[in-house]
Protein backbone atom coordinates (compact mmCIF):
# COMPACT_ATOMS: atom_id res chain seq x y z
CA MET A 1 -30.85 -10.24 -47.63
CA ASN A 2 -34.44 -9.75 -49.18
CA ALA A 3 -37.85 -11.40 -49.64
CA ASN A 4 -39.27 -13.62 -52.38
CA PRO A 5 -42.02 -11.48 -54.03
CA VAL A 6 -44.28 -14.71 -54.69
CA ASN A 7 -44.29 -16.41 -51.47
CA GLY A 8 -42.35 -14.31 -49.21
CA THR A 9 -39.43 -16.40 -48.40
CA PRO A 10 -35.53 -15.08 -47.79
CA VAL A 11 -33.46 -14.29 -51.02
CA MET A 12 -29.75 -13.71 -50.67
CA THR A 13 -28.61 -11.46 -52.26
CA GLN A 14 -25.32 -10.38 -53.47
CA PRO A 15 -23.09 -7.49 -51.84
CA GLN A 16 -23.63 -4.08 -53.90
CA PRO A 17 -19.79 -2.10 -53.53
CA LEU A 18 -20.60 1.56 -52.24
CA SER A 19 -20.72 4.90 -53.90
CA LEU A 20 -17.13 6.48 -53.57
CA GLY A 21 -19.08 9.24 -52.16
CA VAL A 22 -21.17 6.93 -48.92
CA LEU A 23 -17.38 5.48 -48.40
CA LEU A 24 -16.11 8.74 -48.06
CA MET A 25 -18.45 10.14 -45.65
CA LEU A 26 -18.54 7.15 -43.59
CA LEU A 27 -14.95 7.25 -43.30
CA SER A 28 -14.98 11.29 -41.81
CA VAL A 29 -17.70 9.77 -39.91
CA LEU A 30 -15.36 7.35 -38.04
CA GLY A 31 -12.51 10.08 -38.55
CA SER A 32 -14.38 11.87 -36.31
CA ALA A 33 -15.07 9.32 -33.69
CA SER A 34 -11.55 8.02 -32.91
CA THR A 35 -10.75 11.96 -32.79
CA ALA A 36 -12.94 12.59 -30.02
CA VAL A 37 -12.70 9.70 -28.00
CA ALA A 38 -9.34 10.26 -28.64
CA GLN A 39 -9.63 13.74 -27.22
CA GLN A 40 -12.32 12.06 -24.44
CA LYS A 41 -8.59 9.79 -23.03
CA ALA A 42 -6.38 13.27 -23.29
CA GLU A 43 -8.91 15.27 -21.26
CA PRO A 44 -8.48 14.75 -17.34
CA LEU A 45 -11.62 13.42 -15.60
CA GLN A 46 -12.94 15.76 -13.04
CA THR A 47 -15.40 15.85 -10.34
CA GLU A 48 -18.85 17.60 -10.87
CA TRP A 49 -16.74 20.86 -9.02
CA GLY A 50 -14.17 20.93 -11.30
CA HIS A 51 -11.08 18.94 -9.84
CA PRO A 52 -9.41 16.62 -11.08
CA ASP A 53 -11.10 12.87 -9.74
CA LEU A 54 -8.85 10.34 -7.86
CA GLU A 55 -11.93 8.64 -6.52
CA GLY A 56 -11.73 4.64 -6.78
CA VAL A 57 -9.60 2.06 -5.24
CA TRP A 58 -5.94 2.29 -6.01
CA ASN A 59 -4.07 -0.64 -5.57
CA PHE A 60 0.63 -0.18 -4.38
CA SER A 61 1.61 -3.35 -3.99
CA SER A 62 4.88 -3.74 -5.72
CA ASP A 63 8.29 -5.85 -5.92
CA ILE A 64 10.31 -2.06 -6.44
CA PRO A 65 13.13 -1.53 -3.45
CA PHE A 66 11.71 0.77 -0.91
CA GLN A 67 16.18 1.58 -1.21
CA ARG A 68 17.78 1.34 -3.90
CA PRO A 69 20.36 -1.37 -3.37
CA GLU A 70 23.77 -0.33 -4.05
CA GLU A 71 24.99 -1.49 -7.15
CA PHE A 72 22.51 0.43 -9.29
CA GLY A 73 24.72 3.68 -7.65
CA TYR A 74 22.46 6.75 -9.26
CA ARG A 75 20.60 4.93 -11.34
CA GLU A 76 16.01 5.35 -10.98
CA PHE A 77 15.40 3.11 -13.79
CA LEU A 78 16.10 -0.67 -14.85
CA THR A 79 17.39 -1.53 -18.23
CA PRO A 80 15.56 -3.69 -20.85
CA GLU A 81 17.68 -6.36 -20.53
CA GLU A 82 17.32 -6.09 -16.06
CA ILE A 83 13.25 -6.11 -17.04
CA SER A 84 13.05 -8.80 -19.11
CA THR A 85 15.08 -10.66 -16.65
CA ILE A 86 13.13 -10.25 -13.03
CA GLN A 87 9.93 -11.15 -15.71
CA THR A 88 11.05 -14.16 -17.30
CA ARG A 89 12.39 -15.15 -13.84
CA LEU A 90 9.27 -14.71 -12.08
CA ARG A 91 7.20 -16.61 -15.13
CA ALA A 92 10.14 -20.13 -13.53
CA GLU A 93 8.68 -19.75 -10.47
CA ALA A 94 5.46 -18.75 -11.80
CA ALA A 95 5.41 -22.35 -12.92
CA ALA A 96 7.72 -24.33 -10.77
CA GLY A 97 4.81 -22.51 -7.83
CA ALA A 98 1.40 -24.41 -10.15
CA ARG A 99 3.32 -27.68 -10.20
CA VAL A 100 3.81 -28.39 -6.44
CA SER A 101 1.99 -31.63 -5.03
CA PRO A 102 -0.08 -31.25 -2.10
CA ASP A 103 2.32 -32.85 0.81
CA ALA A 104 0.53 -35.70 3.27
CA ALA A 105 3.26 -35.49 6.47
CA MET A 106 2.83 -31.40 6.62
CA ALA A 107 -1.09 -31.06 6.38
CA ASP A 108 -0.73 -33.28 9.25
CA ARG A 109 1.71 -31.73 10.93
CA GLY A 110 2.10 -30.44 14.37
CA ALA A 111 2.47 -26.59 14.94
CA PRO A 112 5.25 -24.92 14.43
CA SER A 113 8.49 -24.45 16.22
CA THR A 114 8.27 -20.34 15.81
CA ASP A 115 12.10 -20.66 14.94
CA GLU A 116 9.78 -22.32 11.93
CA ARG A 117 7.63 -19.26 11.28
CA PHE A 118 10.00 -18.27 8.27
CA VAL A 119 10.06 -21.39 6.47
CA TYR A 120 6.76 -22.68 7.53
CA GLY A 121 4.84 -18.65 7.70
CA TYR A 122 3.12 -17.22 5.34
CA ASP A 123 3.92 -17.95 1.79
CA HIS A 124 3.79 -15.79 -1.55
CA PHE A 125 0.16 -17.04 -2.22
CA TRP A 126 -0.55 -14.59 0.75
CA TYR A 127 1.41 -12.01 0.42
CA GLU A 128 0.71 -8.70 -2.27
CA MET A 129 4.46 -7.90 -3.45
CA ALA A 130 3.11 -8.44 -7.07
CA PRO A 131 2.40 -4.97 -8.28
CA ILE A 132 -0.45 -3.70 -10.46
CA ALA A 133 1.02 -0.88 -11.70
CA ASP A 134 4.26 -1.18 -14.17
CA THR A 135 7.39 -1.17 -11.99
CA VAL A 136 11.14 -0.05 -13.67
CA ARG A 137 12.41 1.82 -10.57
CA THR A 138 15.35 0.44 -9.17
CA SER A 139 13.83 2.69 -6.03
CA GLN A 140 11.23 3.90 -4.54
CA ILE A 141 13.52 6.34 -2.69
CA ILE A 142 14.35 9.33 -5.43
CA TYR A 143 16.25 11.50 -3.40
CA PRO A 144 18.64 11.44 -2.07
CA LYS A 145 19.68 11.35 -5.34
CA ASN A 146 21.74 7.05 -4.61
CA GLY A 147 18.41 6.14 -3.56
CA ARG A 148 19.56 5.48 0.07
CA LEU A 149 17.73 7.10 3.42
CA PRO A 150 19.97 9.62 4.22
CA ALA A 151 22.18 9.27 8.07
CA LEU A 152 20.04 9.08 10.78
CA VAL A 153 20.32 12.47 13.80
CA ALA A 154 22.52 11.47 16.50
CA ASP A 155 19.94 9.80 19.12
CA ALA A 156 17.28 9.42 16.78
CA PRO A 157 15.03 6.16 17.91
CA ARG A 158 14.92 3.65 15.66
CA GLY A 159 12.44 0.49 16.22
CA GLN A 160 13.05 -2.61 17.06
CA SER A 161 11.47 -6.00 15.68
CA GLY A 162 9.23 -8.30 18.19
CA PHE A 163 8.08 -10.68 15.93
CA LEU A 164 10.03 -13.73 17.03
CA ALA A 165 11.05 -13.26 20.29
CA ASP A 166 10.28 -9.78 22.91
CA ALA A 167 12.18 -6.87 21.66
CA GLN A 168 14.42 -4.80 24.50
CA GLY A 169 12.76 -1.39 25.06
CA GLN A 170 9.53 0.23 27.54
CA ARG A 171 6.84 2.31 27.65
CA PRO A 172 5.44 3.81 25.01
CA VAL A 173 6.42 0.51 23.40
CA ARG A 174 8.03 1.32 19.06
CA THR A 175 8.17 -1.64 17.92
CA GLY A 176 7.08 -2.40 13.89
CA SER A 177 5.61 -5.28 14.84
CA GLY A 178 5.35 -7.70 17.98
CA GLY A 179 6.26 -5.77 21.55
CA ILE A 180 8.52 -5.79 24.48
CA GLY A 181 6.63 -7.79 27.13
CA LYS A 182 3.45 -10.07 27.33
CA ASP A 183 2.37 -8.14 30.78
CA GLY A 184 -0.52 -6.34 28.85
CA PRO A 185 -1.92 -4.96 25.97
CA GLU A 186 0.10 -2.06 26.13
CA ASP A 187 3.76 -3.87 26.12
CA ARG A 188 2.33 -5.10 22.45
CA GLY A 189 3.05 -2.76 19.27
CA LEU A 190 0.05 -1.32 17.84
CA PRO A 191 -0.01 -3.93 14.53
CA GLU A 192 -0.53 -5.69 17.51
CA ARG A 193 -3.04 -3.52 19.43
CA CYS A 194 -5.00 -2.65 16.08
CA ILE A 195 -4.61 0.46 16.33
CA LEU A 196 -1.82 1.17 13.33
CA GLY A 197 0.73 -0.38 11.05
CA LEU A 198 2.22 -1.77 8.55
CA ASN A 199 0.87 -0.13 5.52
CA GLY A 200 -2.18 2.24 6.86
CA LEU A 201 0.40 4.70 7.99
CA PRO A 202 1.20 8.05 5.36
CA PRO A 203 3.30 8.02 3.63
CA TYR A 204 1.92 5.08 2.53
CA ARG A 205 4.89 2.00 1.28
CA PRO A 206 3.12 -1.39 0.56
CA SER A 207 3.30 -4.33 2.78
CA ARG A 208 2.31 -8.29 3.04
CA TYR A 209 -0.55 -7.38 2.46
CA ASN A 210 -3.37 -5.28 2.02
CA ASN A 211 -2.06 -2.67 0.49
CA ASN A 212 -4.90 -1.11 -0.98
CA LEU A 213 -6.55 2.54 -0.95
CA GLN A 214 -9.90 4.61 -1.87
CA ILE A 215 -10.20 7.98 -1.91
CA PHE A 216 -13.42 9.61 -1.51
CA GLN A 217 -14.71 13.20 -2.66
CA ASN A 218 -16.62 16.31 -2.29
CA ARG A 219 -16.26 20.02 -2.91
CA ASP A 220 -14.56 21.03 0.06
CA HIS A 221 -13.29 17.65 1.38
CA VAL A 222 -10.78 14.25 0.32
CA VAL A 223 -11.09 11.09 2.45
CA ILE A 224 -8.38 8.12 1.82
CA MET A 225 -9.69 5.74 3.67
CA SER A 226 -6.59 2.97 4.51
CA GLU A 227 -8.00 -1.03 3.83
CA MET A 228 -4.83 -2.03 6.93
CA LEU A 229 -7.25 -1.08 9.56
CA HIS A 230 -8.90 1.26 7.59
CA ASN A 231 -8.44 4.47 9.11
CA ALA A 232 -9.87 7.10 7.20
CA ARG A 233 -7.66 10.41 6.63
CA ILE A 234 -9.99 14.09 5.99
CA VAL A 235 -8.38 16.17 4.39
CA PRO A 236 -10.14 19.81 4.46
CA LEU A 237 -9.34 21.72 1.13
CA SER A 238 -9.60 24.96 3.09
CA ASP A 239 -7.70 27.46 5.00
CA THR A 240 -8.30 25.81 7.71
CA PRO A 241 -6.54 26.60 10.61
CA PRO A 242 -4.40 23.56 11.73
CA LEU A 243 -4.55 21.91 14.72
CA PRO A 244 -1.76 23.37 18.14
CA GLU A 245 1.33 22.06 17.92
CA HIS A 246 -0.02 20.43 21.54
CA ILE A 247 -2.87 17.58 19.44
CA GLU A 248 -1.09 14.71 17.77
CA GLN A 249 -2.97 12.17 16.03
CA TRP A 250 -2.35 8.64 14.97
CA THR A 251 -2.46 9.62 11.08
CA GLY A 252 -1.69 13.25 11.46
CA ASP A 253 -3.48 16.83 10.44
CA SER A 254 -3.54 16.96 6.84
CA ARG A 255 -4.73 20.04 4.62
CA GLY A 256 -5.15 19.18 1.10
CA TYR A 257 -5.06 22.31 -1.77
CA TRP A 258 -4.96 21.31 -5.69
CA ASP A 259 -1.73 22.44 -8.35
CA GLU A 260 -3.82 21.93 -11.51
CA GLU A 261 -4.36 18.59 -11.57
CA THR A 262 -1.75 16.97 -8.66
CA LEU A 263 -3.74 17.10 -4.60
CA VAL A 264 -1.36 18.34 -2.28
CA VAL A 265 -1.81 16.65 1.38
CA GLU A 266 0.52 18.50 3.44
CA THR A 267 0.42 16.89 7.24
CA ARG A 268 1.97 17.24 10.87
CA ASN A 269 1.61 16.58 14.36
CA PHE A 270 1.62 12.13 13.52
CA SER A 271 1.87 11.22 17.45
CA PHE A 272 4.97 10.05 19.14
CA TYR A 273 3.42 6.69 19.05
CA THR A 274 4.54 6.32 15.25
CA ALA A 275 8.02 6.41 13.63
CA SER A 276 9.37 9.32 10.79
CA VAL A 277 9.86 6.07 8.26
CA ALA A 278 10.91 2.58 8.23
CA ASN A 279 10.79 2.33 12.31
CA MET A 280 12.91 5.32 12.70
CA GLY A 281 12.52 8.15 14.81
CA THR A 282 9.33 9.21 15.92
CA GLY A 283 6.42 11.06 14.01
CA ARG A 284 6.92 14.03 16.71
CA ASP A 285 8.71 16.42 13.99
CA LYS A 286 7.49 15.02 11.47
CA PHE A 287 6.15 17.56 7.90
CA LEU A 288 4.49 15.49 5.15
CA THR A 289 4.25 16.62 1.64
CA GLU A 290 1.92 14.39 -0.52
CA ARG A 291 1.35 14.46 -4.53
CA PHE A 292 -1.41 12.60 -6.33
CA THR A 293 -1.38 12.72 -9.94
CA ARG A 294 -3.85 9.97 -11.94
CA SER A 295 -1.83 9.85 -14.66
CA SER A 296 -4.25 8.09 -16.83
CA TYR A 297 -7.73 6.16 -15.91
CA ASP A 298 -6.55 3.03 -14.11
CA SER A 299 -3.38 4.61 -13.33
CA LEU A 300 -2.19 7.19 -10.46
CA GLU A 301 1.04 8.46 -9.34
CA TYR A 302 2.04 8.81 -5.63
CA GLN A 303 4.97 10.76 -4.87
CA TRP A 304 5.33 11.77 -0.70
CA THR A 305 8.98 14.24 0.65
CA LEU A 306 9.36 14.22 4.36
CA GLU A 307 11.36 16.72 6.39
CA ASP A 308 11.82 15.56 9.88
CA PRO A 309 14.93 17.07 11.34
CA ALA A 310 14.65 15.36 14.63
CA THR A 311 15.70 12.01 13.17
CA PHE A 312 17.33 12.30 9.47
CA THR A 313 19.96 14.94 8.36
CA ASP A 314 18.65 15.05 4.68
CA SER A 315 14.56 14.66 2.74
CA ILE A 316 13.26 12.03 1.38
CA THR A 317 11.14 12.02 -1.47
CA ALA A 318 10.03 8.67 -3.11
CA VAL A 319 7.72 7.30 -6.32
CA LEU A 320 5.04 4.91 -5.69
CA PRO A 321 2.88 3.88 -8.56
CA MET A 322 -1.39 2.98 -7.79
CA ALA A 323 -4.05 0.93 -9.94
CA LYS A 324 -6.88 1.14 -10.29
CA VAL A 325 -9.06 -1.71 -9.19
CA ALA A 326 -12.53 -3.02 -10.17
CA GLY A 327 -13.23 -3.05 -6.98
CA LEU A 328 -14.62 -2.97 -3.27
CA LEU A 329 -12.40 -2.42 -0.24
CA TYR A 330 -14.20 -4.09 2.23
CA GLU A 331 -13.80 -3.61 5.94
CA TYR A 332 -10.27 -5.28 7.40
CA ALA A 333 -11.77 -5.93 10.57
CA CYS A 334 -9.48 -6.12 12.95
CA GLN A 335 -10.82 -4.19 16.74
CA GLU A 336 -13.80 -6.33 16.14
CA GLY A 337 -12.36 -9.27 16.77
CA ASN A 338 -8.39 -9.21 17.86
CA TYR A 339 -9.00 -12.98 18.96
CA GLY A 340 -5.14 -13.39 18.77
CA LEU A 341 -3.63 -10.71 21.10
CA LEU A 342 -5.88 -11.81 24.41
CA ASN A 343 -4.86 -15.37 23.48
CA ILE A 344 -1.19 -13.86 23.14
CA LEU A 345 -1.60 -13.12 26.74
CA ARG A 346 -3.68 -16.13 27.79
CA GLY A 347 -0.70 -17.73 26.76
CA ALA A 348 1.90 -15.93 28.48
CA ARG A 349 -0.16 -16.79 32.19
CA ALA A 350 -0.51 -20.31 31.27
CA GLU A 351 3.84 -20.10 30.54
CA GLU A 352 4.10 -18.88 33.90
CA GLN A 353 1.82 -21.56 35.80
CA ARG A 354 3.02 -24.41 33.81
CA ALA A 355 6.85 -22.55 34.64
CA ALA A 356 5.43 -21.96 39.07
CA ASP A 357 3.62 -25.79 38.45
CA SER A 358 6.85 -27.89 38.21
CA GLY A 359 9.56 -25.60 40.08
CA PRO A 360 11.27 -27.30 43.08
CA GLN A 361 9.21 -29.35 45.02
CA VAL A 362 9.53 -28.59 48.80
CA ARG A 363 9.69 -31.85 50.74
CA ALA A 364 6.89 -31.59 53.60
CA ARG A 365 8.28 -33.19 57.08
């Protein structure tokens, strides 16, 4: 567009063809720019200290089974046909869920009985099982080769679930949820006491919700903060001697080092009150090796190996993809407002009083 030399008004002009020299120069510049971008993408991200940059919030929600369904045998990955079938099913379920209409009768009903928890408890809206990262594996476990937990050592303790009813047991409580009684807070499991639970204990495994962690880095330390119960693991990147064996910690005593582009974290001294993995065994004798590798800008490969000769007859190795989240990690304020535990104990006292009040009446003479 040019200006009219008479009155200065704009005048439309036909675009002039580029000369061959100018066109070749532009193509050369664009080619150099695209090459630079490609090189930039290929180069691993680094911190100011020259370490691989793992910082950020990472989501590890997943629908990959922890143990491999037996029909897959030794096969680690799904076929394209199986993936397509799963995707079709998930789309159909999402479409069906979008067509559900409000149910006035359900909205006005009273509190459900204990036996109805699986019907009227959390639904898929609240559960965070849908993955963000690609999930094409048949199981998280890749060793043993059948993708299943090895046999338990004889007499290894096994946790119980007391979610619907109190489990059998004694203190220290070894339930993944619920507890063994309601005489005091010590009779409830660690998750109900807001101490530790679900997906906040390494090795990290997806749970019902809050499947996020945040990684912070400086020159000498890496901090891994779990969203669930906001536990922070401070991992020194040095030759700091490990804690004495008798000093146990909820998330263990960790030391880290760099293996090229991978952060390797070795952890021991887990608390006896925690499980080895999946509510099996105790954490007292387990040795955990975790490997964090950033495979792309928004992908983090998490692999762990568990050695616990007091619980399992063989070691366990599992892989779990994590995806970068463009957001912040907010505090999961459980201990600061755990009214649920207080009300569990209050409810038990009320039930006891009700039973005492309705007991057999003794006639006065």
